[in-house]
């Protein structure tokens, strides 16, 4: 499926993004959503959308594609590296999460309320997409509650 990404940007910005994607050997379809997701994440710090009621400013992307199509390079260049610099320059707590379990993701979201997840999520998503009959962990429901932006009490036990 194609999308006219060039219509989202001014010509000089589009030319830079297009050349950056080529230099990374990544698809523009991975680079642009990475940039938009990172921009939305930064904009969400202290911002909400007011439309009849206040809601958090959340944007989520999941990249699905064959190996070696540039997903990791796009995420690293347009999301992970800029966020690492932001964490260091602004002395923020680390909100990057890489290769996590569903329990690890739940704990991070519950304690920080802000998280940028990157790279490999296959095991987690595979587990969440199973039915509760097969899964019986309620991970999907818990993550939906935590990602909604509403206050949710959460305690963990083993």
N, C-alpha and C. Protein backbone atom coordinates (compact mmCIF):
# COMPACT_ATOMS: atom_id res chain seq x y z
N UNK A 1 0.85 -1.17 0.00
CA UNK A 1 0.00 0.00 0.00
C UNK A 1 0.90 1.24 0.00
N UNK A 2 0.62 2.17 -0.84
CA UNK A 2 1.41 3.40 -0.89
C UNK A 2 0.66 4.53 -0.20
N UNK A 3 1.43 5.47 0.32
CA UNK A 3 0.88 6.65 0.96
C UNK A 3 1.70 7.84 0.49
N UNK A 4 1.07 8.94 0.15
CA UNK A 4 1.82 10.10 -0.36
C UNK A 4 2.50 10.88 0.78
N UNK A 5 3.56 10.30 1.35
CA UNK A 5 4.27 10.95 2.45
C UNK A 5 4.80 12.33 2.06
N UNK A 6 5.13 12.50 0.78
CA UNK A 6 5.68 13.79 0.34
C UNK A 6 4.69 14.93 0.54
N UNK A 7 3.39 14.63 0.63
CA UNK A 7 2.39 15.68 0.83
C UNK A 7 2.34 16.16 2.29
N UNK A 8 3.00 15.45 3.19
CA UNK A 8 3.01 15.84 4.59
C UNK A 8 4.03 16.93 4.91
N UNK A 9 5.00 17.13 4.03
CA UNK A 9 6.13 18.00 4.32
C UNK A 9 6.35 19.00 3.20
N UNK A 10 7.04 20.08 3.55
CA UNK A 10 7.50 21.02 2.53
C UNK A 10 8.55 20.31 1.68
N UNK A 11 8.77 20.80 0.48
CA UNK A 11 9.66 20.13 -0.46
C UNK A 11 11.06 19.90 0.08
N UNK A 12 11.66 20.91 0.72
CA UNK A 12 13.03 20.73 1.22
C UNK A 12 13.09 19.71 2.35
N UNK A 13 12.08 19.66 3.19
CA UNK A 13 12.03 18.67 4.28
C UNK A 13 11.82 17.28 3.69
N UNK A 14 10.92 17.17 2.73
CA UNK A 14 10.68 15.88 2.09
C UNK A 14 11.94 15.36 1.40
N UNK A 15 12.67 16.26 0.73
CA UNK A 15 13.90 15.84 0.05
C UNK A 15 14.90 15.29 1.07
N UNK A 16 15.03 15.95 2.22
CA UNK A 16 15.95 15.47 3.27
C UNK A 16 15.51 14.08 3.76
N UNK A 17 14.22 13.92 4.06
CA UNK A 17 13.71 12.64 4.57
C UNK A 17 13.91 11.54 3.54
N UNK A 18 13.61 11.84 2.30
CA UNK A 18 13.76 10.85 1.22
C UNK A 18 15.22 10.41 1.09
N UNK A 19 16.16 11.37 1.13
CA UNK A 19 17.58 11.05 1.03
C UNK A 19 18.07 10.31 2.27
N UNK A 20 17.55 10.68 3.43
CA UNK A 20 17.93 10.00 4.68
C UNK A 20 17.51 8.54 4.64
N UNK A 21 16.30 8.28 4.18
CA UNK A 21 15.80 6.90 4.06
C UNK A 21 16.69 6.11 3.10
N UNK A 22 17.07 6.71 1.99
CA UNK A 22 17.94 6.03 1.03
C UNK A 22 19.30 5.74 1.65
N UNK A 23 19.85 6.70 2.40
CA UNK A 23 21.15 6.51 3.04
C UNK A 23 21.12 5.39 4.09
N UNK A 24 19.97 5.21 4.73
CA UNK A 24 19.82 4.17 5.74
C UNK A 24 19.43 2.82 5.14
N UNK A 25 19.15 2.80 3.85
CA UNK A 25 18.60 1.61 3.19
C UNK A 25 17.30 1.19 3.86
N UNK A 26 16.50 2.19 4.20
CA UNK A 26 15.22 1.97 4.87
C UNK A 26 14.10 2.55 4.01
N UNK A 27 12.93 2.04 4.21
CA UNK A 27 11.76 2.55 3.51
C UNK A 27 11.32 3.88 4.14
N UNK A 28 10.89 4.80 3.29
CA UNK A 28 10.31 6.05 3.79
C UNK A 28 9.09 5.72 4.66
N UNK A 29 8.42 4.61 4.35
CA UNK A 29 7.26 4.16 5.11
C UNK A 29 7.59 3.75 6.53
N UNK A 30 8.87 3.51 6.84
CA UNK A 30 9.30 3.26 8.21
C UNK A 30 9.86 4.53 8.85
N UNK A 31 10.56 5.34 8.06
CA UNK A 31 11.21 6.53 8.61
C UNK A 31 10.20 7.60 9.01
N UNK A 32 9.22 7.89 8.15
CA UNK A 32 8.26 8.94 8.45
C UNK A 32 7.43 8.63 9.71
N UNK A 33 6.84 7.44 9.83
CA UNK A 33 6.12 7.16 11.08
C UNK A 33 7.02 7.21 12.32
N UNK A 34 8.30 6.82 12.18
CA UNK A 34 9.23 6.94 13.31
C UNK A 34 9.40 8.40 13.71
N UNK A 35 9.55 9.27 12.72
CA UNK A 35 9.67 10.71 13.01
C UNK A 35 8.39 11.26 13.63
N UNK A 36 7.24 10.86 13.07
CA UNK A 36 5.96 11.34 13.61
C UNK A 36 5.73 10.84 15.03
N UNK A 37 6.06 9.57 15.27
CA UNK A 37 5.89 9.01 16.61
C UNK A 37 6.78 9.69 17.63
N UNK A 38 8.03 9.96 17.25
CA UNK A 38 8.95 10.65 18.15
C UNK A 38 8.48 12.07 18.42
N UNK A 39 8.05 12.75 17.38
CA UNK A 39 7.53 14.12 17.54
C UNK A 39 6.31 14.14 18.45
N UNK A 40 5.40 13.19 18.25
CA UNK A 40 4.21 13.10 19.09
C UNK A 40 4.58 12.80 20.54
N UNK A 41 5.57 11.94 20.74
CA UNK A 41 6.01 11.61 22.09
C UNK A 41 6.55 12.84 22.80
N UNK A 42 7.40 13.60 22.12
CA UNK A 42 7.95 14.82 22.72
C UNK A 42 6.83 15.83 22.98
N UNK A 43 5.91 15.96 22.04
CA UNK A 43 4.79 16.90 22.21
C UNK A 43 3.87 16.50 23.35
N UNK A 44 3.83 15.20 23.65
CA UNK A 44 2.91 14.72 24.69
C UNK A 44 3.38 15.06 26.09
N UNK A 45 4.63 15.43 26.27
CA UNK A 45 5.12 15.75 27.61
C UNK A 45 4.45 17.04 28.06
N UNK A 46 3.51 16.91 28.94
CA UNK A 46 2.79 18.06 29.47
C UNK A 46 1.64 18.53 28.60
N UNK A 47 1.29 17.81 27.56
CA UNK A 47 0.21 18.23 26.67
C UNK A 47 -0.93 17.22 26.68
N UNK A 48 -2.13 17.72 26.53
CA UNK A 48 -3.30 16.87 26.37
C UNK A 48 -4.17 17.46 25.26
N UNK A 49 -5.10 16.67 24.78
CA UNK A 49 -6.06 17.12 23.79
C UNK A 49 -7.38 17.32 24.50
N UNK A 50 -7.98 18.49 24.33
CA UNK A 50 -9.27 18.77 24.95
C UNK A 50 -10.35 18.76 23.89
N UNK A 51 -11.18 17.76 23.94
CA UNK A 51 -12.33 17.65 23.05
C UNK A 51 -13.47 17.08 23.87
N UNK A 52 -14.25 17.95 24.48
CA UNK A 52 -15.31 17.61 25.42
C UNK A 52 -14.75 17.11 26.74
N UNK A 53 -13.64 16.40 26.70
CA UNK A 53 -12.92 15.99 27.91
C UNK A 53 -11.44 15.89 27.57
N UNK A 54 -10.63 15.85 28.59
CA UNK A 54 -9.18 15.84 28.40
C UNK A 54 -8.68 14.42 28.18
N UNK A 55 -7.91 14.23 27.11
CA UNK A 55 -7.34 12.92 26.82
C UNK A 55 -5.84 13.07 26.57
N UNK A 56 -5.07 12.04 26.89
CA UNK A 56 -3.63 12.13 26.64
C UNK A 56 -3.32 12.12 25.15
N UNK A 57 -2.21 12.67 24.82
CA UNK A 57 -1.75 12.78 23.44
C UNK A 57 -0.93 11.54 23.12
N UNK A 58 -1.58 10.49 22.62
CA UNK A 58 -0.92 9.21 22.37
C UNK A 58 -0.95 8.87 20.89
N UNK A 59 0.19 8.43 20.37
CA UNK A 59 0.29 7.92 19.02
C UNK A 59 1.12 6.65 19.10
N UNK A 60 0.63 5.56 18.51
CA UNK A 60 1.35 4.30 18.55
C UNK A 60 1.56 3.79 17.13
N UNK A 61 2.75 3.27 16.88
CA UNK A 61 3.06 2.66 15.59
C UNK A 61 3.63 1.28 15.83
N UNK A 62 3.26 0.35 14.98
CA UNK A 62 3.86 -0.98 14.98
C UNK A 62 4.27 -1.25 13.53
N UNK A 63 5.53 -1.56 13.34
CA UNK A 63 6.03 -1.86 12.00
C UNK A 63 6.05 -3.36 11.81
N UNK A 64 5.42 -3.80 10.75
CA UNK A 64 5.44 -5.21 10.40
C UNK A 64 6.00 -5.31 8.99
N UNK A 65 7.05 -6.08 8.84
CA UNK A 65 7.64 -6.22 7.53
C UNK A 65 8.69 -7.31 7.52
N UNK A 66 9.07 -7.74 6.36
CA UNK A 66 10.07 -8.80 6.27
C UNK A 66 11.42 -8.33 6.80
N UNK A 67 12.27 -9.28 7.17
CA UNK A 67 13.62 -8.91 7.64
C UNK A 67 14.39 -8.14 6.56
N UNK A 68 15.30 -7.33 7.01
CA UNK A 68 16.20 -6.58 6.13
C UNK A 68 15.51 -5.54 5.26
N UNK A 69 14.42 -4.96 5.75
CA UNK A 69 13.75 -3.90 4.99
C UNK A 69 13.98 -2.53 5.61
N UNK A 70 14.79 -2.44 6.67
CA UNK A 70 15.15 -1.15 7.23
C UNK A 70 14.33 -0.70 8.42
N UNK A 71 13.56 -1.59 9.02
CA UNK A 71 12.74 -1.20 10.17
C UNK A 71 13.63 -0.73 11.33
N UNK A 72 14.62 -1.54 11.69
CA UNK A 72 15.48 -1.22 12.84
C UNK A 72 16.29 0.05 12.60
N UNK A 73 16.80 0.24 11.37
CA UNK A 73 17.58 1.44 11.08
C UNK A 73 16.72 2.69 11.21
N UNK A 74 15.49 2.64 10.70
CA UNK A 74 14.59 3.79 10.78
C UNK A 74 14.26 4.12 12.23
N UNK A 75 13.96 3.10 13.02
CA UNK A 75 13.64 3.34 14.44
C UNK A 75 14.84 3.89 15.19
N UNK A 76 16.00 3.34 14.90
CA UNK A 76 17.21 3.82 15.59
C UNK A 76 17.47 5.28 15.26
N UNK A 77 17.44 5.62 13.99
CA UNK A 77 17.81 6.96 13.54
C UNK A 77 16.77 8.02 13.90
N UNK A 78 15.48 7.68 13.77
CA UNK A 78 14.43 8.69 13.93
C UNK A 78 13.74 8.65 15.30
N UNK A 79 14.01 7.62 16.10
CA UNK A 79 13.35 7.54 17.40
C UNK A 79 14.36 7.32 18.53
N UNK A 80 15.13 6.25 18.45
CA UNK A 80 15.98 5.88 19.56
C UNK A 80 17.10 6.89 19.82
N UNK A 81 17.86 7.27 18.80
CA UNK A 81 18.96 8.22 18.99
C UNK A 81 18.49 9.60 19.46
N UNK A 82 17.46 10.19 18.84
CA UNK A 82 16.98 11.48 19.34
C UNK A 82 16.48 11.41 20.79
N UNK A 83 15.83 10.30 21.14
CA UNK A 83 15.33 10.17 22.51
C UNK A 83 16.48 10.01 23.51
N UNK A 84 17.53 9.27 23.12
CA UNK A 84 18.70 9.12 23.99
C UNK A 84 19.32 10.48 24.26
N UNK A 85 19.45 11.30 23.22
CA UNK A 85 20.00 12.64 23.39
C UNK A 85 19.11 13.50 24.29
N UNK A 86 17.79 13.37 24.14
CA UNK A 86 16.86 14.12 24.98
C UNK A 86 16.97 13.70 26.44
N UNK A 87 17.06 12.40 26.68
CA UNK A 87 17.20 11.89 28.05
C UNK A 87 18.45 12.47 28.71
N UNK A 88 19.56 12.46 27.97
CA UNK A 88 20.82 12.96 28.51
C UNK A 88 20.82 14.47 28.68
N UNK A 89 20.36 15.22 27.68
CA UNK A 89 20.44 16.68 27.74
C UNK A 89 19.46 17.28 28.75
N UNK A 90 18.32 16.66 28.93
CA UNK A 90 17.31 17.19 29.85
C UNK A 90 17.32 16.50 31.20
N UNK A 91 18.25 15.56 31.40
CA UNK A 91 18.37 14.81 32.65
C UNK A 91 17.03 14.18 33.05
N UNK A 92 16.43 13.47 32.09
CA UNK A 92 15.15 12.80 32.30
C UNK A 92 15.38 11.35 32.70
N UNK A 93 14.38 10.76 33.34
CA UNK A 93 14.48 9.33 33.61
C UNK A 93 14.35 8.59 32.28
N UNK A 94 14.97 7.46 32.18
CA UNK A 94 15.00 6.72 30.93
C UNK A 94 13.62 6.19 30.57
N UNK A 95 13.11 6.57 29.42
CA UNK A 95 11.81 6.09 28.98
C UNK A 95 11.92 5.22 27.73
N UNK A 96 13.14 4.81 27.41
CA UNK A 96 13.32 3.88 26.29
C UNK A 96 13.27 2.46 26.81
N UNK A 97 12.59 1.60 26.11
CA UNK A 97 12.48 0.21 26.50
C UNK A 97 12.76 -0.65 25.28
N UNK A 98 13.67 -1.58 25.43
CA UNK A 98 14.11 -2.38 24.30
C UNK A 98 14.04 -3.85 24.68
N UNK A 99 13.42 -4.66 23.85
CA UNK A 99 13.29 -6.10 24.08
C UNK A 99 12.71 -6.39 25.47
N UNK A 100 11.41 -6.35 25.57
CA UNK A 100 10.77 -6.48 26.87
C UNK A 100 9.80 -7.66 26.88
N UNK A 101 9.48 -8.10 28.09
CA UNK A 101 8.39 -9.05 28.29
C UNK A 101 7.12 -8.24 28.55
N UNK A 102 5.97 -8.87 28.51
CA UNK A 102 4.74 -8.13 28.79
C UNK A 102 4.74 -7.61 30.22
N UNK A 103 5.29 -8.38 31.15
CA UNK A 103 5.38 -7.94 32.54
C UNK A 103 6.31 -6.73 32.66
N UNK A 104 7.45 -6.79 31.95
CA UNK A 104 8.39 -5.68 31.98
C UNK A 104 7.80 -4.41 31.40
N UNK A 105 7.06 -4.54 30.30
CA UNK A 105 6.40 -3.38 29.70
C UNK A 105 5.36 -2.81 30.64
N UNK A 106 4.56 -3.67 31.26
CA UNK A 106 3.53 -3.22 32.20
C UNK A 106 4.14 -2.47 33.37
N UNK A 107 5.22 -2.99 33.93
CA UNK A 107 5.89 -2.32 35.05
C UNK A 107 6.43 -0.96 34.65
N UNK A 108 7.05 -0.89 33.47
CA UNK A 108 7.63 0.37 33.01
C UNK A 108 6.55 1.42 32.79
N UNK A 109 5.44 1.03 32.15
CA UNK A 109 4.36 1.97 31.90
C UNK A 109 3.71 2.39 33.21
N UNK A 110 3.51 1.45 34.12
CA UNK A 110 2.86 1.76 35.39
C UNK A 110 3.71 2.71 36.24
N UNK A 111 5.03 2.57 36.18
CA UNK A 111 5.88 3.41 37.02
C UNK A 111 6.21 4.75 36.38
N UNK A 112 6.33 4.80 35.06
CA UNK A 112 6.74 6.03 34.38
C UNK A 112 5.59 6.78 33.73
N UNK A 113 4.61 6.10 33.29
CA UNK A 113 3.47 6.59 32.50
C UNK A 113 3.88 7.08 31.11
N UNK A 114 5.16 7.15 30.82
CA UNK A 114 5.63 7.50 29.48
C UNK A 114 6.67 6.48 29.08
N UNK A 115 6.51 5.91 27.92
CA UNK A 115 7.50 4.94 27.44
C UNK A 115 7.52 4.95 25.92
N UNK A 116 8.70 4.85 25.38
CA UNK A 116 8.88 4.70 23.95
C UNK A 116 9.47 3.32 23.74
N UNK A 117 8.74 2.48 23.06
CA UNK A 117 9.17 1.09 22.89
C UNK A 117 9.78 0.94 21.51
N UNK A 118 10.91 0.25 21.45
CA UNK A 118 11.54 0.10 20.15
C UNK A 118 12.02 -1.33 19.94
N UNK A 119 12.39 -1.60 18.75
CA UNK A 119 12.91 -2.85 18.19
C UNK A 119 12.00 -4.04 18.41
N UNK A 120 12.53 -5.14 18.89
CA UNK A 120 11.84 -6.42 18.78
C UNK A 120 10.73 -6.61 19.83
N UNK A 121 9.49 -6.71 19.35
CA UNK A 121 8.34 -6.91 20.21
C UNK A 121 7.56 -8.16 19.81
N UNK A 122 8.15 -9.01 18.96
CA UNK A 122 7.40 -10.13 18.41
C UNK A 122 6.84 -11.04 19.49
N UNK A 123 7.68 -11.46 20.46
CA UNK A 123 7.20 -12.38 21.49
C UNK A 123 6.06 -11.79 22.28
N UNK A 124 6.17 -10.51 22.63
CA UNK A 124 5.12 -9.84 23.39
C UNK A 124 3.84 -9.76 22.58
N UNK A 125 3.92 -9.30 21.34
CA UNK A 125 2.72 -9.18 20.52
C UNK A 125 2.09 -10.53 20.22
N UNK A 126 2.90 -11.53 19.97
CA UNK A 126 2.40 -12.87 19.73
C UNK A 126 1.59 -13.37 20.93
N UNK A 127 2.11 -13.12 22.12
CA UNK A 127 1.41 -13.52 23.34
C UNK A 127 0.10 -12.75 23.52
N UNK A 128 0.14 -11.44 23.23
CA UNK A 128 -1.05 -10.60 23.42
C UNK A 128 -2.15 -10.92 22.41
N UNK A 129 -1.77 -11.39 21.23
CA UNK A 129 -2.76 -11.66 20.20
C UNK A 129 -3.45 -13.01 20.36
N UNK A 130 -2.96 -13.83 21.27
CA UNK A 130 -3.63 -15.09 21.53
C UNK A 130 -4.90 -14.81 22.33
N UNK A 131 -5.86 -15.69 22.22
CA UNK A 131 -7.09 -15.50 22.99
C UNK A 131 -6.82 -15.80 24.46
N UNK A 132 -7.67 -15.28 25.35
CA UNK A 132 -7.50 -15.54 26.78
C UNK A 132 -7.66 -17.01 27.11
N UNK A 133 -8.37 -17.75 26.27
CA UNK A 133 -8.49 -19.19 26.50
C UNK A 133 -7.12 -19.84 26.43
N UNK A 134 -6.32 -19.42 25.42
CA UNK A 134 -4.97 -19.96 25.27
C UNK A 134 -3.96 -19.26 26.18
N UNK A 135 -4.22 -18.01 26.48
CA UNK A 135 -3.26 -17.16 27.16
C UNK A 135 -3.53 -17.10 28.67
N UNK A 136 -4.73 -16.69 29.01
CA UNK A 136 -5.22 -16.60 30.39
C UNK A 136 -4.35 -15.73 31.30
N UNK A 137 -3.62 -14.74 30.72
CA UNK A 137 -2.79 -13.87 31.55
C UNK A 137 -3.39 -12.49 31.74
N UNK A 138 -4.36 -12.12 30.93
CA UNK A 138 -4.97 -10.79 30.93
C UNK A 138 -3.97 -9.70 30.58
N UNK A 139 -2.83 -10.06 29.95
CA UNK A 139 -1.84 -9.06 29.56
C UNK A 139 -2.42 -8.02 28.61
N UNK A 140 -3.22 -8.45 27.65
CA UNK A 140 -3.78 -7.52 26.67
C UNK A 140 -4.66 -6.49 27.36
N UNK A 141 -5.53 -6.92 28.25
CA UNK A 141 -6.41 -6.00 28.95
C UNK A 141 -5.61 -5.04 29.83
N UNK A 142 -4.61 -5.56 30.52
CA UNK A 142 -3.80 -4.73 31.40
C UNK A 142 -3.07 -3.65 30.60
N UNK A 143 -2.44 -4.04 29.49
CA UNK A 143 -1.72 -3.05 28.69
C UNK A 143 -2.67 -2.02 28.09
N UNK A 144 -3.86 -2.42 27.68
CA UNK A 144 -4.84 -1.46 27.17
C UNK A 144 -5.20 -0.45 28.25
N UNK A 145 -5.39 -0.91 29.47
CA UNK A 145 -5.69 0.00 30.58
C UNK A 145 -4.54 0.95 30.83
N UNK A 146 -3.32 0.42 30.88
CA UNK A 146 -2.16 1.25 31.17
C UNK A 146 -1.88 2.25 30.05
N UNK A 147 -2.08 1.87 28.79
CA UNK A 147 -1.81 2.75 27.67
C UNK A 147 -2.93 3.75 27.41
N UNK A 148 -4.07 3.61 28.09
CA UNK A 148 -5.18 4.53 27.87
C UNK A 148 -4.92 5.91 28.43
N UNK A 149 -3.97 6.02 29.36
CA UNK A 149 -3.68 7.31 29.98
C UNK A 149 -4.48 7.57 31.23
N UNK A 150 -5.43 6.70 31.54
CA UNK A 150 -6.21 6.87 32.76
C UNK A 150 -5.45 6.28 33.94
N UNK A 151 -5.70 6.81 35.13
CA UNK A 151 -5.04 6.30 36.34
C UNK A 151 -5.53 4.89 36.62
N UNK A 152 -4.58 3.97 36.79
CA UNK A 152 -4.91 2.57 37.03
C UNK A 152 -4.06 2.08 38.19
N UNK A 153 -4.68 1.55 39.26
CA UNK A 153 -3.86 0.97 40.32
C UNK A 153 -3.24 -0.33 39.81
N UNK A 154 -1.99 -0.56 40.18
CA UNK A 154 -1.29 -1.72 39.67
C UNK A 154 -0.35 -2.25 40.72
N UNK A 155 -0.48 -3.50 41.03
CA UNK A 155 0.48 -4.14 41.93
C UNK A 155 0.87 -5.48 41.31
N UNK A 156 2.06 -5.94 41.64
CA UNK A 156 2.61 -7.12 40.98
C UNK A 156 3.04 -8.11 42.03
N UNK A 157 2.75 -9.36 41.79
CA UNK A 157 3.18 -10.41 42.73
C UNK A 157 3.58 -11.65 41.97
N UNK A 158 4.50 -12.40 42.53
CA UNK A 158 4.88 -13.69 41.94
C UNK A 158 4.69 -14.77 42.97
